[in-house]
PDB file of N, CA and C in Angstrom:
ATOM      1  N   MET A   1     -34.090   5.574  39.864  1.00  0.00           N
ATOM      2  CA  MET A   1     -33.427   6.118  38.690  1.00  0.00           C
ATOM      3  C   MET A   1     -34.311   5.897  37.474  1.00  0.00           C
ATOM      4  N   THR A   2     -34.067   6.710  36.463  1.00  0.00           N
ATOM      5  CA  THR A   2     -34.876   6.594  35.261  1.00  0.00           C
ATOM      6  C   THR A   2     -34.374   5.448  34.403  1.00  0.00           C
ATOM      7  N   ARG A   3     -35.237   5.002  33.567  1.00  0.00           N
ATOM      8  CA  ARG A   3     -34.933   3.847  32.731  1.00  0.00           C
ATOM      9  C   ARG A   3     -33.788   4.108  31.749  1.00  0.00           C
ATOM     10  N   GLY A   4     -33.654   5.301  31.219  1.00  0.00           N
ATOM     11  CA  GLY A   4     -32.648   5.625  30.206  1.00  0.00           C
ATOM     12  C   GLY A   4     -31.302   6.047  30.778  1.00  0.00           C
ATOM     13  N   SER A   5     -31.144   6.053  32.074  1.00  0.00           N
ATOM     14  CA  SER A   5     -29.899   6.519  32.679  1.00  0.00           C
ATOM     15  C   SER A   5     -28.778   5.517  32.483  1.00  0.00           C
ATOM     16  N   ASN A   6     -27.616   6.007  32.118  1.00  0.00           N
ATOM     17  CA  ASN A   6     -26.444   5.145  31.954  1.00  0.00           C
ATOM     18  C   ASN A   6     -25.942   4.615  33.280  1.00  0.00           C
ATOM     19  N   VAL A   7     -26.099   5.394  34.332  1.00  0.00           N
ATOM     20  CA  VAL A   7     -25.607   4.980  35.641  1.00  0.00           C
ATOM     21  C   VAL A   7     -26.355   3.747  36.114  1.00  0.00           C
ATOM     22  N   SER A   8     -27.661   3.690  35.852  1.00  0.00           N
ATOM     23  CA  SER A   8     -28.442   2.541  36.305  1.00  0.00           C
ATOM     24  C   SER A   8     -28.044   1.262  35.573  1.00  0.00           C
ATOM     25  N   LYS A   9     -27.417   1.372  34.434  1.00  0.00           N
ATOM     26  CA  LYS A   9     -27.000   0.198  33.673  1.00  0.00           C
ATOM     27  C   LYS A   9     -25.571  -0.211  34.012  1.00  0.00           C
ATOM     28  N   GLY A  10     -24.921   0.487  34.939  1.00  0.00           N
ATOM     29  CA  GLY A  10     -23.572   0.120  35.334  1.00  0.00           C
ATOM     30  C   GLY A  10     -22.493   0.736  34.451  1.00  0.00           C
ATOM     31  N   ARG A  11     -22.856   1.679  33.632  1.00  0.00           N
ATOM     32  CA  ARG A  11     -21.878   2.343  32.776  1.00  0.00           C
ATOM     33  C   ARG A  11     -21.558   3.723  33.323  1.00  0.00           C
ATOM     34  N   ALA A  12     -20.432   4.247  32.939  1.00  0.00           N
ATOM     35  CA  ALA A  12     -20.053   5.600  33.346  1.00  0.00           C
ATOM     36  C   ALA A  12     -21.021   6.591  32.730  1.00  0.00           C
ATOM     37  N   ALA A  13     -21.312   7.622  33.474  1.00  0.00           N
ATOM     38  CA  ALA A  13     -22.275   8.620  33.001  1.00  0.00           C
ATOM     39  C   ALA A  13     -21.787   9.250  31.702  1.00  0.00           C
ATOM     40  N   GLY A  14     -22.674   9.359  30.738  1.00  0.00           N
ATOM     41  CA  GLY A  14     -22.353  10.034  29.494  1.00  0.00           C
ATOM     42  C   GLY A  14     -21.725   9.148  28.431  1.00  0.00           C
ATOM     43  N   LYS A  15     -21.382   7.917  28.768  1.00  0.00           N
ATOM     44  CA  LYS A  15     -20.761   7.031  27.774  1.00  0.00           C
ATOM     45  C   LYS A  15     -21.735   5.913  27.444  1.00  0.00           C
ATOM     46  N   THR A  16     -21.977   5.752  26.195  1.00  0.00           N
ATOM     47  CA  THR A  16     -22.838   4.664  25.769  1.00  0.00           C
ATOM     48  C   THR A  16     -21.979   3.522  25.263  1.00  0.00           C
ATOM     49  N   ARG A  17     -22.575   2.392  25.107  1.00  0.00           N
ATOM     50  CA  ARG A  17     -21.832   1.228  24.630  1.00  0.00           C
ATOM     51  C   ARG A  17     -21.224   1.505  23.261  1.00  0.00           C
ATOM     52  N   SER A  18     -21.979   2.129  22.373  1.00  0.00           N
ATOM     53  CA  SER A  18     -21.457   2.359  21.026  1.00  0.00           C
ATOM     54  C   SER A  18     -20.265   3.319  21.036  1.00  0.00           C
ATOM     55  N   ALA A  19     -20.272   4.321  21.902  1.00  0.00           N
ATOM     56  CA  ALA A  19     -19.148   5.251  21.963  1.00  0.00           C
ATOM     57  C   ALA A  19     -17.884   4.529  22.426  1.00  0.00           C
ATOM     58  N   ARG A  20     -18.010   3.648  23.416  1.00  0.00           N
ATOM     59  CA  ARG A  20     -16.846   2.899  23.877  1.00  0.00           C
ATOM     60  C   ARG A  20     -16.366   1.943  22.796  1.00  0.00           C
ATOM     61  N   HIS A  21     -17.301   1.324  22.101  1.00  0.00           N
ATOM     62  CA  HIS A  21     -16.942   0.370  21.050  1.00  0.00           C
ATOM     63  C   HIS A  21     -16.176   1.066  19.923  1.00  0.00           C
ATOM     64  N   ILE A  22     -16.653   2.205  19.508  1.00  0.00           N
ATOM     65  CA  ILE A  22     -15.994   2.942  18.438  1.00  0.00           C
ATOM     66  C   ILE A  22     -14.603   3.372  18.890  1.00  0.00           C
ATOM     67  N   LYS A  23     -14.498   3.864  20.116  1.00  0.00           N
ATOM     68  CA  LYS A  23     -13.190   4.292  20.618  1.00  0.00           C
ATOM     69  C   LYS A  23     -12.229   3.110  20.639  1.00  0.00           C
ATOM     70  N   GLY A  24     -12.681   1.945  21.046  1.00  0.00           N
ATOM     71  CA  GLY A  24     -11.827   0.756  21.070  1.00  0.00           C
ATOM     72  C   GLY A  24     -11.331   0.392  19.691  1.00  0.00           C
ATOM     73  N   ARG A  25     -12.198   0.521  18.702  1.00  0.00           N
ATOM     74  CA  ARG A  25     -11.805   0.206  17.340  1.00  0.00           C
ATOM     75  C   ARG A  25     -10.768   1.185  16.807  1.00  0.00           C
ATOM     76  N   VAL A  26     -10.930   2.435  17.101  1.00  0.00           N
ATOM     77  CA  VAL A  26      -9.975   3.442  16.656  1.00  0.00           C
ATOM     78  C   VAL A  26      -8.622   3.180  17.303  1.00  0.00           C
ATOM     79  N   SER A  27      -8.623   2.869  18.575  1.00  0.00           N
ATOM     80  CA  SER A  27      -7.367   2.601  19.269  1.00  0.00           C
ATOM     81  C   SER A  27      -6.659   1.395  18.675  1.00  0.00           C
ATOM     82  N   ALA A  28      -7.409   0.355  18.377  1.00  0.00           N
ATOM     83  CA  ALA A  28      -6.807  -0.841  17.791  1.00  0.00           C
ATOM     84  C   ALA A  28      -6.238  -0.523  16.411  1.00  0.00           C
ATOM     85  N   GLN A  29      -6.948   0.284  15.649  1.00  0.00           N
ATOM     86  CA  GLN A  29      -6.468   0.656  14.322  1.00  0.00           C
ATOM     87  C   GLN A  29      -5.198   1.488  14.435  1.00  0.00           C
ATOM     88  N   ARG A  30      -5.173   2.417  15.364  1.00  0.00           N
ATOM     89  CA  ARG A  30      -4.000   3.258  15.567  1.00  0.00           C
ATOM     90  C   ARG A  30      -2.814   2.399  16.005  1.00  0.00           C
ATOM     91  N   ARG A  31      -3.070   1.404  16.849  1.00  0.00           N
ATOM     92  CA  ARG A  31      -2.014   0.520  17.307  1.00  0.00           C
ATOM     93  C   ARG A  31      -1.386  -0.237  16.144  1.00  0.00           C
ATOM     94  N   SER A  32      -2.189  -0.745  15.230  1.00  0.00           N
ATOM     95  CA  SER A  32      -1.641  -1.508  14.112  1.00  0.00           C
ATOM     96  C   SER A  32      -0.820  -0.616  13.179  1.00  0.00           C
ATOM     97  N   ASP A  33      -1.226   0.652  13.045  1.00  0.00           N
ATOM     98  CA  ASP A  33      -0.467   1.572  12.202  1.00  0.00           C
ATOM     99  C   ASP A  33       0.888   1.895  12.812  1.00  0.00           C
ATOM    100  N   SER A  34       0.943   2.038  14.116  1.00  0.00           N
ATOM    101  CA  SER A  34       2.189   2.425  14.768  1.00  0.00           C
ATOM    102  C   SER A  34       2.991   1.227  15.246  1.00  0.00           C
ATOM    103  N   HIS A  35       2.483   0.021  15.013  1.00  0.00           N
ATOM    104  CA  HIS A  35       3.150  -1.190  15.492  1.00  0.00           C
ATOM    105  C   HIS A  35       4.526  -1.359  14.870  1.00  0.00           C
ATOM    106  N   ARG A  36       4.705  -0.958  13.641  1.00  0.00           N
ATOM    107  CA  ARG A  36       5.969  -1.170  12.935  1.00  0.00           C
ATOM    108  C   ARG A  36       6.734   0.140  12.736  1.00  0.00           C
ATOM    109  N   TRP A  37       6.689   1.038  13.704  1.00  0.00           N
ATOM    110  CA  TRP A  37       7.365   2.321  13.560  1.00  0.00           C
ATOM    111  C   TRP A  37       8.862   2.139  13.400  1.00  0.00           C
ATOM    112  N   SER A  38       9.438   1.120  14.042  1.00  0.00           N
ATOM    113  CA  SER A  38      10.889   0.952  13.939  1.00  0.00           C
ATOM    114  C   SER A  38      11.290   0.506  12.532  1.00  0.00           C
ATOM    115  N   ALA A  39      10.428  -0.235  11.867  1.00  0.00           N
ATOM    116  CA  ALA A  39      10.715  -0.616  10.479  1.00  0.00           C
ATOM    117  C   ALA A  39      10.743   0.624   9.593  1.00  0.00           C
ATOM    118  N   ALA A  40       9.842   1.563   9.877  1.00  0.00           N
ATOM    119  CA  ALA A  40       9.827   2.802   9.104  1.00  0.00           C
ATOM    120  C   ALA A  40      11.096   3.615   9.340  1.00  0.00           C
ATOM    121  N   VAL A  41      11.600   3.590  10.565  1.00  0.00           N
ATOM    122  CA  VAL A  41      12.841   4.303  10.865  1.00  0.00           C
ATOM    123  C   VAL A  41      13.986   3.704  10.063  1.00  0.00           C
ATOM    124  N   MET A  42      14.025   2.382   9.979  1.00  0.00           N
ATOM    125  CA  MET A  42      15.098   1.728   9.240  1.00  0.00           C
ATOM    126  C   MET A  42      15.036   2.074   7.755  1.00  0.00           C
ATOM    127  N   LYS A  43      13.824   2.183   7.211  1.00  0.00           N
ATOM    128  CA  LYS A  43      13.675   2.472   5.782  1.00  0.00           C
ATOM    129  C   LYS A  43      13.922   3.939   5.459  1.00  0.00           C
ATOM    130  N   ARG A  44      13.437   4.823   6.334  1.00  0.00           N
ATOM    131  CA  ARG A  44      13.484   6.250   6.027  1.00  0.00           C
ATOM    132  C   ARG A  44      14.292   7.037   7.050  1.00  0.00           C
ATOM    133  N   SER A  45      15.388   6.494   7.466  1.00  0.00           N
ATOM    134  CA  SER A  45      16.237   7.201   8.421  1.00  0.00           C
ATOM    135  C   SER A  45      16.694   8.510   7.821  1.00  0.00           C
ATOM    136  N   ASN A  46      16.685   9.540   8.627  1.00  0.00           N
ATOM    137  CA  ASN A  46      17.128  10.836   8.143  1.00  0.00           C
ATOM    138  C   ASN A  46      18.647  10.956   8.187  1.00  0.00           C
ATOM    139  N   ALA A  47      19.305   9.980   8.764  1.00  0.00           N
ATOM    140  CA  ALA A  47      20.751  10.059   8.896  1.00  0.00           C
ATOM    141  C   ALA A  47      21.477   9.235   7.840  1.00  0.00           C
ATOM    142  N   LEU A  48      20.998   8.036   7.575  1.00  0.00           N
ATOM    143  CA  LEU A  48      21.697   7.135   6.658  1.00  0.00           C
ATOM    144  C   LEU A  48      20.747   6.548   5.629  1.00  0.00           C
ATOM    145  N   ASP A  49      21.238   6.380   4.415  1.00  0.00           N
ATOM    146  CA  ASP A  49      20.527   5.617   3.391  1.00  0.00           C
ATOM    147  C   ASP A  49      21.181   4.243   3.374  1.00  0.00           C
ATOM    148  N   LEU A  50      20.533   3.288   4.018  1.00  0.00           N
ATOM    149  CA  LEU A  50      21.106   1.950   4.148  1.00  0.00           C
ATOM    150  C   LEU A  50      20.973   1.166   2.855  1.00  0.00           C
ATOM    151  N   GLU A  51      21.954   0.335   2.585  1.00  0.00           N
ATOM    152  CA  GLU A  51      21.873  -0.563   1.438  1.00  0.00           C
ATOM    153  C   GLU A  51      20.832  -1.638   1.745  1.00  0.00           C
ATOM    154  N   ALA A  52      20.164  -2.126   0.735  1.00  0.00           N
ATOM    155  CA  ALA A  52      19.138  -3.148   0.929  1.00  0.00           C
ATOM    156  C   ALA A  52      19.742  -4.421   1.517  1.00  0.00           C
ATOM    157  N   GLY A  53      19.112  -4.956   2.546  1.00  0.00           N
ATOM    158  CA  GLY A  53      19.536  -6.217   3.143  1.00  0.00           C
ATOM    159  C   GLY A  53      20.824  -6.142   3.932  1.00  0.00           C
ATOM    160  N   VAL A  54      21.202  -4.966   4.370  1.00  0.00           N
ATOM    161  CA  VAL A  54      22.485  -4.828   5.069  1.00  0.00           C
ATOM    162  C   VAL A  54      22.535  -5.692   6.332  1.00  0.00           C
ATOM    163  N   PHE A  55      21.442  -5.782   7.074  1.00  0.00           N
ATOM    164  CA  PHE A  55      21.461  -6.516   8.337  1.00  0.00           C
ATOM    165  C   PHE A  55      21.183  -8.008   8.162  1.00  0.00           C
ATOM    166  N   THR A  56      20.955  -8.439   6.938  1.00  0.00           N
ATOM    167  CA  THR A  56      20.724  -9.867   6.699  1.00  0.00           C
ATOM    168  C   THR A  56      21.972 -10.561   6.175  1.00  0.00           C
ATOM    169  N   GLN A  57      23.036  -9.810   5.948  1.00  0.00           N
ATOM    170  CA  GLN A  57      24.275 -10.414   5.456  1.00  0.00           C
ATOM    171  C   GLN A  57      24.862 -11.332   6.525  1.00  0.00           C
ATOM    172  N   ARG A  58      25.617 -12.322   6.094  1.00  0.00           N
ATOM    173  CA  ARG A  58      26.163 -13.311   7.024  1.00  0.00           C
ATOM    174  C   ARG A  58      27.510 -12.925   7.606  1.00  0.00           C
ATOM    175  N   SER A  59      28.192 -12.007   6.967  1.00  0.00           N
ATOM    176  CA  SER A  59      29.530 -11.627   7.398  1.00  0.00           C
ATOM    177  C   SER A  59      29.489 -10.347   8.226  1.00  0.00           C
ATOM    178  N   PRO A  60      30.046 -10.380   9.457  1.00  0.00           N
ATOM    179  CA  PRO A  60      30.112  -9.154  10.255  1.00  0.00           C
ATOM    180  C   PRO A  60      30.897  -8.054   9.543  1.00  0.00           C
ATOM    181  N   HIS A  61      31.946  -8.449   8.806  1.00  0.00           N
ATOM    182  CA  HIS A  61      32.744  -7.465   8.073  1.00  0.00           C
ATOM    183  C   HIS A  61      31.915  -6.801   6.976  1.00  0.00           C
ATOM    184  N   ALA A  62      31.112  -7.575   6.264  1.00  0.00           N
ATOM    185  CA  ALA A  62      30.277  -7.018   5.190  1.00  0.00           C
ATOM    186  C   ALA A  62      29.246  -6.044   5.753  1.00  0.00           C
ATOM    187  N   ILE A  63      28.659  -6.376   6.899  1.00  0.00           N
ATOM    188  CA  ILE A  63      27.679  -5.486   7.542  1.00  0.00           C
ATOM    189  C   ILE A  63      28.356  -4.178   7.936  1.00  0.00           C
ATOM    190  N   ALA A  64      29.518  -4.300   8.578  1.00  0.00           N
ATOM    191  CA  ALA A  64      30.240  -3.112   9.032  1.00  0.00           C
ATOM    192  C   ALA A  64      30.690  -2.249   7.848  1.00  0.00           C
ATOM    193  N   ALA A  65      31.180  -2.881   6.792  1.00  0.00           N
ATOM    194  CA  ALA A  65      31.634  -2.136   5.617  1.00  0.00           C
ATOM    195  C   ALA A  65      30.471  -1.388   4.964  1.00  0.00           C
ATOM    196  N   SER A  66      29.315  -2.025   4.893  1.00  0.00           N
ATOM    197  CA  SER A  66      28.143  -1.385   4.310  1.00  0.00           C
ATOM    198  C   SER A  66      27.698  -0.189   5.141  1.00  0.00           C
ATOM    199  N   LEU A  67      27.674  -0.352   6.462  1.00  0.00           N
ATOM    200  CA  LEU A  67      27.301   0.754   7.339  1.00  0.00           C
ATOM    201  C   LEU A  67      28.297   1.907   7.220  1.00  0.00           C
ATOM    202  N   LYS A  68      29.567   1.580   7.104  1.00  0.00           N
ATOM    203  CA  LYS A  68      30.584   2.620   6.958  1.00  0.00           C
ATOM    204  C   LYS A  68      30.381   3.391   5.658  1.00  0.00           C
ATOM    205  N   ARG A  69      30.141   2.668   4.557  1.00  0.00           N
ATOM    206  CA  ARG A  69      29.894   3.333   3.265  1.00  0.00           C
ATOM    207  C   ARG A  69      28.688   4.269   3.362  1.00  0.00           C
ATOM    208  N   SER A  70      27.615   3.783   3.981  1.00  0.00           N
ATOM    209  CA  SER A  70      26.402   4.593   4.110  1.00  0.00           C
ATOM    210  C   SER A  70      26.653   5.832   4.954  1.00  0.00           C
ATOM    211  N   ALA A  71      27.400   5.663   6.046  1.00  0.00           N
ATOM    212  CA  ALA A  71      27.660   6.791   6.945  1.00  0.00           C
ATOM    213  C   ALA A  71      28.561   7.833   6.290  1.00  0.00           C
ATOM    214  N   LEU A  72      29.555   7.384   5.565  1.00  0.00           N
ATOM    215  CA  LEU A  72      30.461   8.328   4.905  1.00  0.00           C
ATOM    216  C   LEU A  72      29.778   9.061   3.751  1.00  0.00           C
ATOM    217  N   ALA A  73      28.864   8.395   3.069  1.00  0.00           N
ATOM    218  CA  ALA A  73      28.193   8.992   1.916  1.00  0.00           C
ATOM    219  C   ALA A  73      27.084   9.960   2.320  1.00  0.00           C
ATOM    220  N   SER A  74      26.558   9.816   3.540  1.00  0.00           N
ATOM    221  CA  SER A  74      25.425  10.632   3.962  1.00  0.00           C
ATOM    222  C   SER A  74      25.836  12.076   4.218  1.00  0.00           C
ATOM    223  N   ARG A  75      25.019  13.000   3.746  1.00  0.00           N
ATOM    224  CA  ARG A  75      25.237  14.415   4.010  1.00  0.00           C
ATOM    225  C   ARG A  75      24.188  14.941   4.997  1.00  0.00           C
ATOM    226  N   ARG A  76      23.277  14.073   5.427  1.00  0.00           N
ATOM    227  CA  ARG A  76      22.202  14.510   6.314  1.00  0.00           C
ATOM    228  C   ARG A  76      22.441  14.143   7.776  1.00  0.00           C
ATOM    229  N   ARG A  77      23.475  13.368   8.036  1.00  0.00           N
ATOM    230  CA  ARG A  77      23.688  12.928   9.419  1.00  0.00           C
ATOM    231  C   ARG A  77      24.101  14.108  10.288  1.00  0.00           C
ATOM    232  N   LYS A  78      23.767  13.984  11.576  1.00  0.00           N
ATOM    233  CA  LYS A  78      24.077  15.062  12.508  1.00  0.00           C
ATOM    234  C   LYS A  78      25.351  14.781  13.284  1.00  0.00           C
ATOM    235  N   ALA A  79      25.691  13.520  13.438  1.00  0.00           N
ATOM    236  CA  ALA A  79      26.888  13.135  14.193  1.00  0.00           C
ATOM    237  C   ALA A  79      27.981  12.714  13.208  1.00  0.00           C
ATOM    238  N   GLU A  80      29.117  12.377  13.749  1.00  0.00           N
ATOM    239  CA  GLU A  80      30.207  11.892  12.915  1.00  0.00           C
ATOM    240  C   GLU A  80      29.831  10.525  12.338  1.00  0.00           C
ATOM    241  N   PRO A  81      30.461  10.088  11.261  1.00  0.00           N
ATOM    242  CA  PRO A  81      30.077   8.838  10.589  1.00  0.00           C
ATOM    243  C   PRO A  81      30.095   7.614  11.505  1.00  0.00           C
ATOM    244  N   PHE A  82      31.110   7.481  12.339  1.00  0.00           N
ATOM    245  CA  PHE A  82      31.182   6.318  13.223  1.00  0.00           C
ATOM    246  C   PHE A  82      29.975   6.243  14.138  1.00  0.00           C
ATOM    247  N   ARG A  83      29.626   7.358  14.745  1.00  0.00           N
ATOM    248  CA  ARG A  83      28.495   7.366  15.675  1.00  0.00           C
ATOM    249  C   ARG A  83      27.182   7.058  14.975  1.00  0.00           C
ATOM    250  N   SER A  84      26.994   7.582  13.769  1.00  0.00           N
ATOM    251  CA  SER A  84      25.765   7.312  13.023  1.00  0.00           C
ATOM    252  C   SER A  84      25.649   5.834  12.660  1.00  0.00           C
ATOM    253  N   ALA A  85      26.744   5.250  12.204  1.00  0.00           N
ATOM    254  CA  ALA A  85      26.733   3.835  11.812  1.00  0.00           C
ATOM    255  C   ALA A  85      26.503   2.938  13.022  1.00  0.00           C
ATOM    256  N   MET A  86      27.206   3.211  14.120  1.00  0.00           N
ATOM    257  CA  MET A  86      27.049   2.394  15.325  1.00  0.00           C
ATOM    258  C   MET A  86      25.649   2.552  15.897  1.00  0.00           C
ATOM    259  N   SER A  87      25.114   3.737  15.830  1.00  0.00           N
ATOM    260  CA  SER A  87      23.762   3.991  16.325  1.00  0.00           C
ATOM    261  C   SER A  87      22.731   3.178  15.549  1.00  0.00           C
ATOM    262  N   MET A  88      22.869   3.131  14.242  1.00  0.00           N
ATOM    263  CA  MET A  88      21.924   2.375  13.427  1.00  0.00           C
ATOM    264  C   MET A  88      22.046   0.877  13.706  1.00  0.00           C
ATOM    265  N   LEU A  89      23.249   0.386  13.887  1.00  0.00           N
ATOM    266  CA  LEU A  89      23.455  -1.027  14.202  1.00  0.00           C
ATOM    267  C   LEU A  89      22.848  -1.364  15.563  1.00  0.00           C
ATOM    268  N   ASN A  90      23.097  -0.538  16.553  1.00  0.00           N
ATOM    269  CA  ASN A  90      22.506  -0.758  17.872  1.00  0.00           C
ATOM    270  C   ASN A  90      20.987  -0.671  17.834  1.00  0.00           C
ATOM    271  N   PHE A  91      20.459   0.268  17.070  1.00  0.00           N
ATOM    272  CA  PHE A  91      19.013   0.405  16.931  1.00  0.00           C
ATOM    273  C   PHE A  91      18.418  -0.884  16.385  1.00  0.00           C
ATOM    274  N   HIS A  92      19.057  -1.440  15.370  1.00  0.00           N
ATOM    275  CA  HIS A  92      18.548  -2.680  14.781  1.00  0.00           C
ATOM    276  C   HIS A  92      18.584  -3.831  15.795  1.00  0.00           C
ATOM    277  N   ILE A  93      19.674  -3.954  16.510  1.00  0.00           N
ATOM    278  CA  ILE A  93      19.801  -5.024  17.504  1.00  0.00           C
ATOM    279  C   ILE A  93      18.751  -4.855  18.599  1.00  0.00           C
ATOM    280  N   ASN A  94      18.613  -3.654  19.113  1.00  0.00           N
ATOM    281  CA  ASN A  94      17.678  -3.412  20.212  1.00  0.00           C
ATOM    282  C   ASN A  94      16.228  -3.590  19.788  1.00  0.00           C
ATOM    283  N   ARG A  95      15.865  -3.140  18.594  1.00  0.00           N
ATOM    284  CA  ARG A  95      14.473  -3.245  18.159  1.00  0.00           C
ATOM    285  C   ARG A  95      14.109  -4.648  17.696  1.00  0.00           C
ATOM    286  N   SER A  96      15.086  -5.471  17.377  1.00  0.00           N
ATOM    287  CA  SER A  96      14.785  -6.848  16.977  1.00  0.00           C
ATOM    288  C   SER A  96      14.340  -7.671  18.168  1.00  0.00           C
ATOM    289  N   GLY A  97      14.874  -7.369  19.327  1.00  0.00           N
ATOM    290  CA  GLY A  97      14.426  -7.998  20.563  1.00  0.00           C
ATOM    291  C   GLY A  97      14.506  -9.504  20.557  1.00  0.00           C
ATOM    292  N   ARG A  98      13.420 -10.139  20.988  1.00  0.00           N
ATOM    293  CA  ARG A  98      13.365 -11.599  21.113  1.00  0.00           C
ATOM    294  C   ARG A  98      13.348 -12.307  19.762  1.00  0.00           C
ATOM    295  N   ASP A  99      12.994 -11.594  18.721  1.00  0.00           N
ATOM    296  CA  ASP A  99      12.898 -12.215  17.399  1.00  0.00           C
ATOM    297  C   ASP A  99      14.264 -12.516  16.786  1.00  0.00           C
ATOM    298  N   LEU A 100      15.316 -11.997  17.380  1.00  0.00           N
ATOM    299  CA  LEU A 100      16.663 -12.189  16.863  1.00  0.00           C
ATOM    300  C   LEU A 100      17.232 -13.499  17.410  1.00  0.00           C
ATOM    301  N   SER A 101      17.629 -14.389  16.519  1.00  0.00           N
ATOM    302  CA  SER A 101      18.205 -15.663  16.967  1.00  0.00           C
ATOM    303  C   SER A 101      19.579 -15.416  17.585  1.00  0.00           C
ATOM    304  N   ALA A 102      20.049 -16.368  18.363  1.00  0.00           N
ATOM    305  CA  ALA A 102      21.349 -16.245  19.016  1.00  0.00           C
ATOM    306  C   ALA A 102      22.461 -16.116  17.976  1.00  0.00           C
ATOM    307  N   GLN A 103      22.353 -16.882  16.897  1.00  0.00           N
ATOM    308  CA  GLN A 103      23.363 -16.835  15.838  1.00  0.00           C
ATOM    309  C   GLN A 103      23.383 -15.458  15.164  1.00  0.00           C
ATOM    310  N   ARG A 104      22.188 -14.927  14.871  1.00  0.00           N
ATOM    311  CA  ARG A 104      22.085 -13.626  14.212  1.00  0.00           C
ATOM    312  C   ARG A 104      22.603 -12.523  15.128  1.00  0.00           C
ATOM    313  N   ARG A 105      22.235 -12.598  16.424  1.00  0.00           N
ATOM    314  CA  ARG A 105      22.693 -11.611  17.395  1.00  0.00           C
ATOM    315  C   ARG A 105      24.219 -11.624  17.486  1.00  0.00           C
ATOM    316  N   ASP A 106      24.815 -12.823  17.464  1.00  0.00           N
ATOM    317  CA  ASP A 106      26.264 -12.956  17.534  1.00  0.00           C
ATOM    318  C   ASP A 106      26.929 -12.276  16.334  1.00  0.00           C
ATOM    319  N   ILE A 107      26.367 -12.485  15.152  1.00  0.00           N
ATOM    320  CA  ILE A 107      26.918 -11.860  13.941  1.00  0.00           C
ATOM    321  C   ILE A 107      26.837 -10.343  14.050  1.00  0.00           C
ATOM    322  N   LEU A 108      25.710  -9.827  14.515  1.00  0.00           N
ATOM    323  CA  LEU A 108      25.549  -8.375  14.623  1.00  0.00           C
ATOM    324  C   LEU A 108      26.444  -7.783  15.713  1.00  0.00           C
ATOM    325  N   GLU A 109      26.630  -8.511  16.802  1.00  0.00           N
ATOM    326  CA  GLU A 109      27.534  -8.038  17.857  1.00  0.00           C
ATOM    327  C   GLU A 109      28.977  -8.014  17.359  1.00  0.00           C
ATOM    328  N   ARG A 110      29.351  -9.012  16.561  1.00  0.00           N
ATOM    329  CA  ARG A 110      30.704  -9.013  15.987  1.00  0.00           C
ATOM    330  C   ARG A 110      30.865  -7.896  14.966  1.00  0.00           C
ATOM    331  N   ALA A 111      29.756  -7.520  14.319  1.00  0.00           N
ATOM    332  CA  ALA A 111      29.798  -6.411  13.360  1.00  0.00           C
ATOM    333  C   ALA A 111      30.140  -5.101  14.066  1.00  0.00           C
ATOM    334  N   LYS A 112      29.763  -4.978  15.353  1.00  0.00           N
ATOM    335  CA  LYS A 112      30.140  -3.782  16.116  1.00  0.00           C
ATOM    336  C   LYS A 112      31.663  -3.686  16.226  1.00  0.00           C
ATOM    337  N   GLY A 113      32.286  -4.811  16.553  1.00  0.00           N
ATOM    338  CA  GLY A 113      33.748  -4.830  16.639  1.00  0.00           C
ATOM    339  C   GLY A 113      34.396  -4.509  15.305  1.00  0.00           C
ATOM    340  N   GLU A 114      33.846  -5.056  14.232  1.00  0.00           N
ATOM    341  CA  GLU A 114      34.366  -4.769  12.887  1.00  0.00           C
ATOM    342  C   GLU A 114      34.209  -3.289  12.542  1.00  0.00           C
ATOM    343  N   LEU A 115      33.086  -2.721  12.930  1.00  0.00           N
ATOM    344  CA  LEU A 115      32.841  -1.306  12.658  1.00  0.00           C
ATOM    345  C   LEU A 115      33.868  -0.437  13.398  1.00  0.00           C
ATOM    346  N   ARG A 116      34.131  -0.789  14.650  1.00  0.00           N
ATOM    347  CA  ARG A 116      35.153  -0.051  15.414  1.00  0.00           C
ATOM    348  C   ARG A 116      36.514  -0.171  14.722  1.00  0.00           C
ATOM    349  N   ARG A 117      36.838  -1.378  14.263  1.00  0.00           N
ATOM    350  CA  ARG A 117      38.133  -1.616  13.597  1.00  0.00           C
ATOM    351  C   ARG A 117      38.230  -0.809  12.302  1.00  0.00           C
ATOM    352  N   LEU A 118      37.156  -0.809  11.508  1.00  0.00           N
ATOM    353  CA  LEU A 118      37.168  -0.082  10.231  1.00  0.00           C
ATOM    354  C   LEU A 118      37.332   1.433  10.423  1.00  0.00           C
ATOM    355  N   PHE A 119      36.815   1.950  11.516  1.00  0.00           N
ATOM    356  CA  PHE A 119      36.927   3.375  11.797  1.00  0.00           C
ATOM    357  C   PHE A 119      38.150   3.690  12.657  1.00  0.00           C
ATOM    358  N   GLY A 120      38.962   2.676  12.981  1.00  0.00           N
ATOM    359  CA  GLY A 120      40.149   2.905  13.788  1.00  0.00           C
ATOM    360  C   GLY A 120      39.841   3.244  15.230  1.00  0.00           C
ATOM    361  N   ARG A 121      38.793   2.654  15.777  1.00  0.00           N
ATOM    362  CA  ARG A 121      38.336   2.957  17.130  1.00  0.00           C
ATOM    363  C   ARG A 121      38.519   1.796  18.091  1.00  0.00           C
ATOM    364  N   GLU A 122      39.460   0.916  17.834  1.00  0.00           N
ATOM    365  CA  GLU A 122      39.658  -0.235  18.711  1.00  0.00           C
ATOM    366  C   GLU A 122      40.093   0.243  20.092  1.00  0.00           C
ATOM    367  N   ALA A 123      39.557  -0.415  21.095  1.00  0.00           N
ATOM    368  CA  ALA A 123      39.916  -0.021  22.470  1.00  0.00           C
ATOM    369  C   ALA A 123      40.915  -0.979  23.069  1.00  0.00           C
TER     370      ALA A 123
END
């Protein structure tokens, strides 16, 4: 094989080290930009304009009341107010994942029950 061949150096034909390096950097940069996509959804939801700090409140009733106000006031939502509010609450719980403490998760789960009660959806 010739001295300049990529195959003889153990690399895939046509790819040089610099091309792979640049591609890796672009991918890492793209990953960091899209890493917090769920935070962007929470800030710029097309369905609800959430009050600031709604999910950090300590009272399940306060969280549910805030979500209800946001859902009723929104004119951009596609579903009924209850479904939009419950969807946003579930989205927050699901996207928080392991970072959500047991105490915080309990408060948010109780907020679901409060939301059902406020909308008259008790089962």
